[in-house]
């Protein structure tokens, strides 16, 4: 059983298809990209499948998203400016086994 729920245009060649289907004898919700091009027309590997037993949790998660969060500007942290100091070489590590207790440590 396949039942298309919606089709959302991603770009000129790609739609996102939301459908209920049976895969391997198990019902679930599939959200997958569908491409229409000269080379290939059909579903791609890009997408996901929500098994029916997890649909309620998925729906609650989607419904918990505040639409305001989807429209507000996202603040991306900027990278720290590069320092002008050259990197210091790392210290050589000793081949000596680490001390097992306080008394074995060298002072």
PDB file of N, CA and C in Angstrom:
ATOM      1  N   UNK A   1       0.837  -1.172   0.000  1.00  0.00           N
ATOM      2  CA  UNK A   1       0.000   0.000   0.000  1.00  0.00           C
ATOM      3  C   UNK A   1       0.881   1.232   0.000  1.00  0.00           C
ATOM      4  N   UNK A   2       0.684   2.110  -0.935  1.00  0.00           N
ATOM      5  CA  UNK A   2       1.401   3.386  -0.994  1.00  0.00           C
ATOM      6  C   UNK A   2       0.377   4.495  -1.068  1.00  0.00           C
ATOM      7  N   UNK A   3       0.543   5.489  -0.209  1.00  0.00           N
ATOM      8  CA  UNK A   3      -0.378   6.617  -0.202  1.00  0.00           C
ATOM      9  C   UNK A   3       0.442   7.888  -0.073  1.00  0.00           C
ATOM     10  N   UNK A   4       0.500   8.673  -1.159  1.00  0.00           N
ATOM     11  CA  UNK A   4       1.213   9.945  -1.114  1.00  0.00           C
ATOM     12  C   UNK A   4       0.434  10.934  -0.262  1.00  0.00           C
ATOM     13  N   UNK A   5       1.133  11.565   0.687  1.00  0.00           N
ATOM     14  CA  UNK A   5       0.525  12.538   1.582  1.00  0.00           C
ATOM     15  C   UNK A   5       0.736  13.944   1.041  1.00  0.00           C
ATOM     16  N   UNK A   6       1.969  14.240   0.618  1.00  0.00           N
ATOM     17  CA  UNK A   6       2.276  15.570   0.089  1.00  0.00           C
ATOM     18  C   UNK A   6       3.546  15.514  -0.737  1.00  0.00           C
ATOM     19  N   UNK A   7       3.735  16.538  -1.544  1.00  0.00           N
ATOM     20  CA  UNK A   7       4.916  16.687  -2.380  1.00  0.00           C
ATOM     21  C   UNK A   7       5.328  18.143  -2.268  1.00  0.00           C
ATOM     22  N   UNK A   8       6.554  18.382  -1.816  1.00  0.00           N
ATOM     23  CA  UNK A   8       7.061  19.739  -1.602  1.00  0.00           C
ATOM     24  C   UNK A   8       8.193  19.988  -2.587  1.00  0.00           C
ATOM     25  N   UNK A   9       8.106  21.071  -3.341  1.00  0.00           N
ATOM     26  CA  UNK A   9       9.145  21.393  -4.316  1.00  0.00           C
ATOM     27  C   UNK A   9      10.388  21.886  -3.590  1.00  0.00           C
ATOM     28  N   UNK A  10      11.509  21.211  -3.842  1.00  0.00           N
ATOM     29  CA  UNK A  10      12.796  21.614  -3.260  1.00  0.00           C
ATOM     30  C   UNK A  10      13.529  22.534  -4.236  1.00  0.00           C
ATOM     31  N   UNK A  11      13.562  22.138  -5.493  1.00  0.00           N
ATOM     32  CA  UNK A  11      14.126  22.965  -6.557  1.00  0.00           C
ATOM     33  C   UNK A  11      13.503  22.516  -7.878  1.00  0.00           C
ATOM     34  N   UNK A  12      14.009  23.023  -8.986  1.00  0.00           N
ATOM     35  CA  UNK A  12      13.400  22.748 -10.283  1.00  0.00           C
ATOM     36  C   UNK A  12      13.363  21.260 -10.625  1.00  0.00           C
ATOM     37  N   UNK A  13      14.341  20.502 -10.176  1.00  0.00           N
ATOM     38  CA  UNK A  13      14.419  19.077 -10.508  1.00  0.00           C
ATOM     39  C   UNK A  13      14.023  18.141  -9.369  1.00  0.00           C
ATOM     40  N   UNK A  14      13.874  18.659  -8.160  1.00  0.00           N
ATOM     41  CA  UNK A  14      13.705  17.786  -6.998  1.00  0.00           C
ATOM     42  C   UNK A  14      12.486  18.157  -6.163  1.00  0.00           C
ATOM     43  N   UNK A  15      11.702  17.142  -5.819  1.00  0.00           N
ATOM     44  CA  UNK A  15      10.591  17.283  -4.879  1.00  0.00           C
ATOM     45  C   UNK A  15      10.893  16.433  -3.658  1.00  0.00           C
ATOM     46  N   UNK A  16      10.318  16.810  -2.534  1.00  0.00           N
ATOM     47  CA  UNK A  16      10.359  15.976  -1.340  1.00  0.00           C
ATOM     48  C   UNK A  16       8.989  15.327  -1.244  1.00  0.00           C
ATOM     49  N   UNK A  17       8.966  14.003  -1.276  1.00  0.00           N
ATOM     50  CA  UNK A  17       7.713  13.262  -1.254  1.00  0.00           C
ATOM     51  C   UNK A  17       7.511  12.666   0.135  1.00  0.00           C
ATOM     52  N   UNK A  18       6.323  12.889   0.674  1.00  0.00           N
ATOM     53  CA  UNK A  18       5.943  12.322   1.963  1.00  0.00           C
ATOM     54  C   UNK A  18       4.853  11.307   1.674  1.00  0.00           C
ATOM     55  N   UNK A  19       5.092  10.049   2.082  1.00  0.00           N
ATOM     56  CA  UNK A  19       4.115   9.002   1.775  1.00  0.00           C
ATOM     57  C   UNK A  19       4.091   7.939   2.860  1.00  0.00           C
ATOM     58  N   UNK A  20       2.945   7.298   2.960  1.00  0.00           N
ATOM     59  CA  UNK A  20       2.807   6.128   3.824  1.00  0.00           C
ATOM     60  C   UNK A  20       2.985   4.926   2.912  1.00  0.00           C
ATOM     61  N   UNK A  21       3.825   3.986   3.334  1.00  0.00           N
ATOM     62  CA  UNK A  21       4.059   2.816   2.488  1.00  0.00           C
ATOM     63  C   UNK A  21       4.370   1.595   3.341  1.00  0.00           C
ATOM     64  N   UNK A  22       4.458   0.466   2.652  1.00  0.00           N
ATOM     65  CA  UNK A  22       4.877  -0.789   3.274  1.00  0.00           C
ATOM     66  C   UNK A  22       6.234  -1.136   2.695  1.00  0.00           C
ATOM     67  N   UNK A  23       7.202  -1.349   3.571  1.00  0.00           N
ATOM     68  CA  UNK A  23       8.534  -1.744   3.115  1.00  0.00           C
ATOM     69  C   UNK A  23       8.942  -2.955   3.927  1.00  0.00           C
ATOM     70  N   UNK A  24       9.230  -4.029   3.259  1.00  0.00           N
ATOM     71  CA  UNK A  24       9.584  -5.259   3.959  1.00  0.00           C
ATOM     72  C   UNK A  24       8.435  -5.770   4.817  1.00  0.00           C
ATOM     73  N   UNK A  25       7.202  -5.488   4.377  1.00  0.00           N
ATOM     74  CA  UNK A  25       6.038  -5.938   5.125  1.00  0.00           C
ATOM     75  C   UNK A  25       5.699  -5.092   6.332  1.00  0.00           C
ATOM     76  N   UNK A  26       6.401  -3.962   6.507  1.00  0.00           N
ATOM     77  CA  UNK A  26       6.151  -3.085   7.651  1.00  0.00           C
ATOM     78  C   UNK A  26       5.713  -1.715   7.159  1.00  0.00           C
ATOM     79  N   UNK A  27       4.663  -1.208   7.759  1.00  0.00           N
ATOM     80  CA  UNK A  27       4.132   0.101   7.390  1.00  0.00           C
ATOM     81  C   UNK A  27       4.954   1.194   8.048  1.00  0.00           C
ATOM     82  N   UNK A  28       5.062   2.337   7.346  1.00  0.00           N
ATOM     83  CA  UNK A  28       5.792   3.467   7.899  1.00  0.00           C
ATOM     84  C   UNK A  28       5.604   4.709   7.059  1.00  0.00           C
ATOM     85  N   UNK A  29       6.213   5.780   7.500  1.00  0.00           N
ATOM     86  CA  UNK A  29       6.186   7.061   6.807  1.00  0.00           C
ATOM     87  C   UNK A  29       7.542   7.254   6.143  1.00  0.00           C
ATOM     88  N   UNK A  30       7.526   7.503   4.832  1.00  0.00           N
ATOM     89  CA  UNK A  30       8.762   7.730   4.102  1.00  0.00           C
ATOM     90  C   UNK A  30       8.813   9.184   3.661  1.00  0.00           C
ATOM     91  N   UNK A  31       9.942   9.834   3.883  1.00  0.00           N
ATOM     92  CA  UNK A  31      10.188  11.202   3.422  1.00  0.00           C
ATOM     93  C   UNK A  31      11.442  11.113   2.563  1.00  0.00           C
ATOM     94  N   UNK A  32      11.280  11.250   1.254  1.00  0.00           N
ATOM     95  CA  UNK A  32      12.380  10.987   0.338  1.00  0.00           C
ATOM     96  C   UNK A  32      12.381  11.979  -0.813  1.00  0.00           C
ATOM     97  N   UNK A  33      13.567  12.239  -1.356  1.00  0.00           N
ATOM     98  CA  UNK A  33      13.688  13.112  -2.519  1.00  0.00           C
ATOM     99  C   UNK A  33      13.336  12.348  -3.786  1.00  0.00           C
ATOM    100  N   UNK A  34      12.626  13.029  -4.675  1.00  0.00           N
ATOM    101  CA  UNK A  34      12.254  12.483  -5.975  1.00  0.00           C
ATOM    102  C   UNK A  34      12.816  13.425  -7.025  1.00  0.00           C
ATOM    103  N   UNK A  35      13.644  12.898  -7.938  1.00  0.00           N
ATOM    104  CA  UNK A  35      14.342  13.700  -8.935  1.00  0.00           C
ATOM    105  C   UNK A  35      13.727  13.481 -10.311  1.00  0.00           C
ATOM    106  N   UNK A  36      13.625  14.562 -11.075  1.00  0.00           N
ATOM    107  CA  UNK A  36      13.189  14.488 -12.472  1.00  0.00           C
ATOM    108  C   UNK A  36      14.270  15.159 -13.314  1.00  0.00           C
ATOM    109  N   UNK A  37      15.094  14.346 -13.981  1.00  0.00           N
ATOM    110  CA  UNK A  37      16.155  14.914 -14.817  1.00  0.00           C
ATOM    111  C   UNK A  37      16.311  14.073 -16.075  1.00  0.00           C
ATOM    112  N   UNK A  38      17.190  14.509 -16.965  1.00  0.00           N
ATOM    113  CA  UNK A  38      17.445  13.754 -18.201  1.00  0.00           C
ATOM    114  C   UNK A  38      18.088  12.402 -17.904  1.00  0.00           C
ATOM    115  N   UNK A  39      18.952  12.356 -16.914  1.00  0.00           N
ATOM    116  CA  UNK A  39      19.669  11.115 -16.592  1.00  0.00           C
ATOM    117  C   UNK A  39      18.844  10.137 -15.779  1.00  0.00           C
ATOM    118  N   UNK A  40      17.995  10.663 -14.865  1.00  0.00           N
ATOM    119  CA  UNK A  40      17.290   9.766 -13.944  1.00  0.00           C
ATOM    120  C   UNK A  40      16.004  10.431 -13.463  1.00  0.00           C
ATOM    121  N   UNK A  41      14.956   9.649 -13.384  1.00  0.00           N
ATOM    122  CA  UNK A  41      13.699  10.095 -12.782  1.00  0.00           C
ATOM    123  C   UNK A  41      13.283   9.041 -11.775  1.00  0.00           C
ATOM    124  N   UNK A  42      13.141   9.466 -10.544  1.00  0.00           N
ATOM    125  CA  UNK A  42      12.737   8.533  -9.500  1.00  0.00           C
ATOM    126  C   UNK A  42      13.252   8.955  -8.137  1.00  0.00           C
ATOM    127  N   UNK A  43      13.010   8.099  -7.157  1.00  0.00           N
ATOM    128  CA  UNK A  43      13.441   8.388  -5.793  1.00  0.00           C
ATOM    129  C   UNK A  43      14.952   8.238  -5.664  1.00  0.00           C
ATOM    130  N   UNK A  44      15.535   9.064  -4.829  1.00  0.00           N
ATOM    131  CA  UNK A  44      16.965   8.976  -4.521  1.00  0.00           C
ATOM    132  C   UNK A  44      17.126   8.287  -3.175  1.00  0.00           C
ATOM    133  N   UNK A  45      18.371   8.111  -2.768  1.00  0.00           N
ATOM    134  CA  UNK A  45      18.647   7.537  -1.447  1.00  0.00           C
ATOM    135  C   UNK A  45      18.453   8.569  -0.343  1.00  0.00           C
ATOM    136  N   UNK A  46      18.409   9.854  -0.729  1.00  0.00           N
ATOM    137  CA  UNK A  46      18.280  10.919   0.268  1.00  0.00           C
ATOM    138  C   UNK A  46      16.887  10.905   0.879  1.00  0.00           C
ATOM    139  N   UNK A  47      16.829  10.760   2.172  1.00  0.00           N
ATOM    140  CA  UNK A  47      15.554  10.761   2.864  1.00  0.00           C
ATOM    141  C   UNK A  47      15.605   9.856   4.080  1.00  0.00           C
ATOM    142  N   UNK A  48      14.429   9.612   4.626  1.00  0.00           N
ATOM    143  CA  UNK A  48      14.359   8.772   5.813  1.00  0.00           C
ATOM    144  C   UNK A  48      13.028   8.048   5.854  1.00  0.00           C
ATOM    145  N   UNK A  49      12.969   7.056   6.713  1.00  0.00           N
ATOM    146  CA  UNK A  49      11.739   6.296   6.890  1.00  0.00           C
ATOM    147  C   UNK A  49      11.475   6.168   8.379  1.00  0.00           C
ATOM    148  N   UNK A  50      10.257   6.499   8.779  1.00  0.00           N
ATOM    149  CA  UNK A  50       9.848   6.410  10.174  1.00  0.00           C
ATOM    150  C   UNK A  50       8.921   5.199  10.298  1.00  0.00           C
ATOM    151  N   UNK A  51       9.341   4.143  10.989  1.00  0.00           N
ATOM    152  CA  UNK A  51       8.456   2.988  11.170  1.00  0.00           C
ATOM    153  C   UNK A  51       7.183   3.404  11.911  1.00  0.00           C
ATOM    154  N   UNK A  52       6.067   2.731  11.608  1.00  0.00           N
ATOM    155  CA  UNK A  52       4.769   3.091  12.191  1.00  0.00           C
ATOM    156  C   UNK A  52       4.812   3.162  13.710  1.00  0.00           C
ATOM    157  N   UNK A  53       5.560   2.278  14.349  1.00  0.00           N
ATOM    158  CA  UNK A  53       5.581   2.277  15.819  1.00  0.00           C
ATOM    159  C   UNK A  53       6.274   3.504  16.407  1.00  0.00           C
ATOM    160  N   UNK A  54       7.040   4.253  15.599  1.00  0.00           N
ATOM    161  CA  UNK A  54       7.710   5.472  16.074  1.00  0.00           C
ATOM    162  C   UNK A  54       7.043   6.732  15.550  1.00  0.00           C
ATOM    163  N   UNK A  55       5.963   6.587  14.784  1.00  0.00           N
ATOM    164  CA  UNK A  55       5.334   7.755  14.176  1.00  0.00           C
ATOM    165  C   UNK A  55       4.804   8.733  15.217  1.00  0.00           C
ATOM    166  N   UNK A  56       4.199   8.245  16.288  1.00  0.00           N
ATOM    167  CA  UNK A  56       3.630   9.137  17.302  1.00  0.00           C
ATOM    168  C   UNK A  56       4.721  10.025  17.912  1.00  0.00           C
ATOM    169  N   UNK A  57       5.864   9.452  18.242  1.00  0.00           N
ATOM    170  CA  UNK A  57       6.978  10.231  18.809  1.00  0.00           C
ATOM    171  C   UNK A  57       7.510  11.227  17.782  1.00  0.00           C
ATOM    172  N   UNK A  58       7.588  10.802  16.510  1.00  0.00           N
ATOM    173  CA  UNK A  58       8.051  11.696  15.443  1.00  0.00           C
ATOM    174  C   UNK A  58       7.092  12.875  15.299  1.00  0.00           C
ATOM    175  N   UNK A  59       5.800  12.590  15.294  1.00  0.00           N
ATOM    176  CA  UNK A  59       4.783  13.643  15.148  1.00  0.00           C
ATOM    177  C   UNK A  59       4.866  14.623  16.315  1.00  0.00           C
ATOM    178  N   UNK A  60       5.040  14.115  17.540  1.00  0.00           N
ATOM    179  CA  UNK A  60       5.166  14.995  18.701  1.00  0.00           C
ATOM    180  C   UNK A  60       6.406  15.883  18.570  1.00  0.00           C
ATOM    181  N   UNK A  61       7.492  15.314  18.084  1.00  0.00           N
ATOM    182  CA  UNK A  61       8.724  16.097  17.916  1.00  0.00           C
ATOM    183  C   UNK A  61       8.526  17.206  16.887  1.00  0.00           C
ATOM    184  N   UNK A  62       7.902  16.872  15.769  1.00  0.00           N
ATOM    185  CA  UNK A  62       7.652  17.881  14.725  1.00  0.00           C
ATOM    186  C   UNK A  62       6.712  18.959  15.254  1.00  0.00           C
ATOM    187  N   UNK A  63       5.658  18.555  15.936  1.00  0.00           N
ATOM    188  CA  UNK A  63       4.688  19.529  16.460  1.00  0.00           C
ATOM    189  C   UNK A  63       5.263  20.390  17.574  1.00  0.00           C
ATOM    190  N   UNK A  64       6.365  19.959  18.198  1.00  0.00           N
ATOM    191  CA  UNK A  64       6.972  20.753  19.270  1.00  0.00           C
ATOM    192  C   UNK A  64       7.842  21.890  18.732  1.00  0.00           C
ATOM    193  N   UNK A  65       8.090  21.895  17.436  1.00  0.00           N
ATOM    194  CA  UNK A  65       8.910  22.952  16.834  1.00  0.00           C
ATOM    195  C   UNK A  65       8.098  24.234  16.779  1.00  0.00           C
ATOM    196  N   UNK A  66       8.666  25.298  17.295  1.00  0.00           N
ATOM    197  CA  UNK A  66       8.025  26.600  17.252  1.00  0.00           C
ATOM    198  C   UNK A  66       8.305  27.212  15.881  1.00  0.00           C
ATOM    199  N   UNK A  67       7.237  27.549  15.139  1.00  0.00           N
ATOM    200  CA  UNK A  67       7.420  28.108  13.797  1.00  0.00           C
ATOM    201  C   UNK A  67       8.236  29.394  13.818  1.00  0.00           C
ATOM    202  N   UNK A  68       8.193  30.116  14.911  1.00  0.00           N
ATOM    203  CA  UNK A  68       8.991  31.343  15.047  1.00  0.00           C
ATOM    204  C   UNK A  68      10.487  31.021  14.940  1.00  0.00           C
ATOM    205  N   UNK A  69      10.887  29.853  15.493  1.00  0.00           N
ATOM    206  CA  UNK A  69      12.289  29.448  15.415  1.00  0.00           C
ATOM    207  C   UNK A  69      12.721  29.202  13.966  1.00  0.00           C
ATOM    208  N   UNK A  70      11.787  28.856  13.113  1.00  0.00           N
ATOM    209  CA  UNK A  70      12.116  28.579  11.707  1.00  0.00           C
ATOM    210  C   UNK A  70      12.256  29.862  10.891  1.00  0.00           C
ATOM    211  N   UNK A  71      11.762  30.984  11.399  1.00  0.00           N
ATOM    212  CA  UNK A  71      11.820  32.231  10.643  1.00  0.00           C
ATOM    213  C   UNK A  71      12.840  33.217  11.182  1.00  0.00           C
ATOM    214  N   UNK A  72      13.298  33.022  12.403  1.00  0.00           N
ATOM    215  CA  UNK A  72      14.280  33.923  12.981  1.00  0.00           C
ATOM    216  C   UNK A  72      15.655  33.651  12.387  1.00  0.00           C
ATOM    217  N   UNK A  73      16.471  34.694  12.374  1.00  0.00           N
ATOM    218  CA  UNK A  73      17.829  34.546  11.872  1.00  0.00           C
ATOM    219  C   UNK A  73      18.615  33.619  12.785  1.00  0.00           C
ATOM    220  N   UNK A  74      19.398  32.767  12.189  1.00  0.00           N
ATOM    221  CA  UNK A  74      20.248  31.857  12.953  1.00  0.00           C
ATOM    222  C   UNK A  74      21.592  32.532  13.148  1.00  0.00           C
ATOM    223  N   UNK A  75      22.052  32.570  14.385  1.00  0.00           N
ATOM    224  CA  UNK A  75      23.349  33.184  14.687  1.00  0.00           C
ATOM    225  C   UNK A  75      24.405  32.101  14.632  1.00  0.00           C
ATOM    226  N   UNK A  76      25.332  32.260  13.696  1.00  0.00           N
ATOM    227  CA  UNK A  76      26.409  31.289  13.530  1.00  0.00           C
ATOM    228  C   UNK A  76      27.653  31.873  14.176  1.00  0.00           C
ATOM    229  N   UNK A  77      28.279  31.146  15.099  1.00  0.00           N
ATOM    230  CA  UNK A  77      29.478  31.678  15.735  1.00  0.00           C
ATOM    231  C   UNK A  77      30.587  31.878  14.701  1.00  0.00           C
ATOM    232  N   UNK A  78      31.298  32.988  14.839  1.00  0.00           N
ATOM    233  CA  UNK A  78      32.400  33.259  13.918  1.00  0.00           C
ATOM    234  C   UNK A  78      33.650  32.575  14.410  1.00  0.00           C
ATOM    235  N   UNK A  79      34.533  32.274  13.497  1.00  0.00           N
ATOM    236  CA  UNK A  79      35.790  31.633  13.864  1.00  0.00           C
ATOM    237  C   UNK A  79      36.690  32.650  14.536  1.00  0.00           C
ATOM    238  N   UNK A  80      37.497  32.178  15.458  1.00  0.00           N
ATOM    239  CA  UNK A  80      38.455  33.038  16.131  1.00  0.00           C
ATOM    240  C   UNK A  80      39.558  33.410  15.147  1.00  0.00           C
ATOM    241  N   UNK A  81      40.035  34.649  15.184  1.00  0.00           N
ATOM    242  CA  UNK A  81      41.116  35.022  14.276  1.00  0.00           C
ATOM    243  C   UNK A  81      42.361  34.195  14.553  1.00  0.00           C
ATOM    244  N   UNK A  82      43.093  33.905  13.510  1.00  0.00           N
ATOM    245  CA  UNK A  82      44.317  33.113  13.659  1.00  0.00           C
ATOM    246  C   UNK A  82      45.336  33.915  14.451  1.00  0.00           C
ATOM    247  N   UNK A  83      46.061  33.249  15.312  1.00  0.00           N
ATOM    248  CA  UNK A  83      47.089  33.933  16.097  1.00  0.00           C
ATOM    249  C   UNK A  83      48.357  34.022  15.264  1.00  0.00           C
ATOM    250  N   UNK A  84      49.146  35.034  15.546  1.00  0.00           N
ATOM    251  CA  UNK A  84      50.383  35.207  14.795  1.00  0.00           C
ATOM    252  C   UNK A  84      51.521  34.406  15.399  1.00  0.00           C
ATOM    253  N   UNK A  85      51.287  33.800  16.571  1.00  0.00           N
ATOM    254  CA  UNK A  85      52.325  33.002  17.207  1.00  0.00           C
ATOM    255  C   UNK A  85      52.487  31.682  16.479  1.00  0.00           C
ATOM    256  N   UNK A  86      53.729  31.281  16.234  1.00  0.00           N
ATOM    257  CA  UNK A  86      53.915  29.956  15.646  1.00  0.00           C
ATOM    258  C   UNK A  86      53.594  28.894  16.687  1.00  0.00           C
ATOM    259  N   UNK A  87      53.150  27.771  16.220  1.00  0.00           N
ATOM    260  CA  UNK A  87      52.838  26.682  17.148  1.00  0.00           C
ATOM    261  C   UNK A  87      54.115  26.180  17.791  1.00  0.00           C
ATOM    262  N   UNK A  88      54.038  25.880  19.076  1.00  0.00           N
ATOM    263  CA  UNK A  88      55.199  25.343  19.768  1.00  0.00           C
ATOM    264  C   UNK A  88      55.238  23.843  19.548  1.00  0.00           C
ATOM    265  N   UNK A  89      56.432  23.300  19.363  1.00  0.00           N
ATOM    266  CA  UNK A  89      56.509  21.853  19.149  1.00  0.00           C
ATOM    267  C   UNK A  89      56.038  21.111  20.389  1.00  0.00           C
ATOM    268  N   UNK A  90      55.423  19.985  20.179  1.00  0.00           N
ATOM    269  CA  UNK A  90      54.941  19.186  21.300  1.00  0.00           C
ATOM    270  C   UNK A  90      56.121  18.534  21.996  1.00  0.00           C
ATOM    271  N   UNK A  91      55.956  18.391  23.307  1.00  0.00           N
ATOM    272  CA  UNK A  91      57.013  17.747  24.079  1.00  0.00           C
ATOM    273  C   UNK A  91      57.110  16.276  23.694  1.00  0.00           C
ATOM    274  N   UNK A  92      58.335  15.773  23.765  1.00  0.00           N
ATOM    275  CA  UNK A  92      58.531  14.361  23.476  1.00  0.00           C
ATOM    276  C   UNK A  92      57.925  13.553  24.608  1.00  0.00           C
ATOM    277  N   UNK A  93      57.283  12.511  24.249  1.00  0.00           N
ATOM    278  CA  UNK A  93      56.709  11.655  25.286  1.00  0.00           C
ATOM    279  C   UNK A  93      57.729  10.607  25.678  1.00  0.00           C
ATOM    280  N   UNK A  94      57.715  10.296  26.930  1.00  0.00           N
ATOM    281  CA  UNK A  94      58.649   9.322  27.463  1.00  0.00           C
ATOM    282  C   UNK A  94      58.138   7.922  27.176  1.00  0.00           C
ATOM    283  N   UNK A  95      59.073   7.020  26.928  1.00  0.00           N
ATOM    284  CA  UNK A  95      58.686   5.629  26.724  1.00  0.00           C
ATOM    285  C   UNK A  95      58.544   4.918  28.062  1.00  0.00           C
ATOM    286  N   UNK A  96      58.806   5.664  29.140  1.00  0.00           N
ATOM    287  CA  UNK A  96      58.710   5.103  30.479  1.00  0.00           C
ATOM    288  C   UNK A  96      57.240   4.856  30.816  1.00  0.00           C
ATOM    289  N   UNK A  97      56.945   3.737  31.457  1.00  0.00           N
ATOM    290  CA  UNK A  97      55.576   3.406  31.842  1.00  0.00           C
ATOM    291  C   UNK A  97      55.100   4.390  32.909  1.00  0.00           C
ATOM    292  N   UNK A  98      53.829   4.758  32.883  1.00  0.00           N
ATOM    293  CA  UNK A  98      53.323   5.681  33.897  1.00  0.00           C
ATOM    294  C   UNK A  98      53.326   5.019  35.278  1.00  0.00           C
ATOM    295  N   UNK A  99      53.484   5.854  36.303  1.00  0.00           N
ATOM    296  CA  UNK A  99      53.503   5.348  37.677  1.00  0.00           C
ATOM    297  C   UNK A  99      52.141   4.777  38.029  1.00  0.00           C
ATOM    298  N   UNK A 100      52.185   3.657  38.749  1.00  0.00           N
ATOM    299  CA  UNK A 100      50.936   3.022  39.154  1.00  0.00           C
ATOM    300  C   UNK A 100      50.372   3.645  40.422  1.00  0.00           C
ATOM    301  N   UNK A 101      51.236   4.173  41.266  1.00  0.00           N
ATOM    302  CA  UNK A 101      50.747   4.831  42.471  1.00  0.00           C
ATOM    303  C   UNK A 101      51.669   5.996  42.811  1.00  0.00           C
ATOM    304  N   UNK A 102      51.310   6.744  43.848  1.00  0.00           N
ATOM    305  CA  UNK A 102      52.015   7.955  44.194  1.00  0.00           C
ATOM    306  C   UNK A 102      53.484   7.704  44.529  1.00  0.00           C
ATOM    307  N   UNK A 103      53.799   6.612  45.202  1.00  0.00           N
ATOM    308  CA  UNK A 103      55.171   6.338  45.610  1.00  0.00           C
ATOM    309  C   UNK A 103      56.085   6.094  44.411  1.00  0.00           C
ATOM    310  N   UNK A 104      55.564   5.615  43.290  1.00  0.00           N
ATOM    311  CA  UNK A 104      56.401   5.331  42.131  1.00  0.00           C
ATOM    312  C   UNK A 104      56.707   6.561  41.285  1.00  0.00           C
ATOM    313  N   UNK A 105      56.039   7.678  41.576  1.00  0.00           N
ATOM    314  CA  UNK A 105      56.236   8.886  40.771  1.00  0.00           C
ATOM    315  C   UNK A 105      57.589   9.503  41.087  1.00  0.00           C
ATOM    316  N   UNK A 106      58.254  10.017  40.034  1.00  0.00           N
ATOM    317  CA  UNK A 106      59.547  10.694  40.233  1.00  0.00           C
ATOM    318  C   UNK A 106      59.270  12.117  40.614  1.00  0.00           C
ATOM    319  N   UNK A 107      60.105  12.651  41.474  1.00  0.00           N
ATOM    320  CA  UNK A 107      59.931  14.038  41.895  1.00  0.00           C
ATOM    321  C   UNK A 107      61.078  14.847  41.382  1.00  0.00           C
TER     322      UNK A 107
END
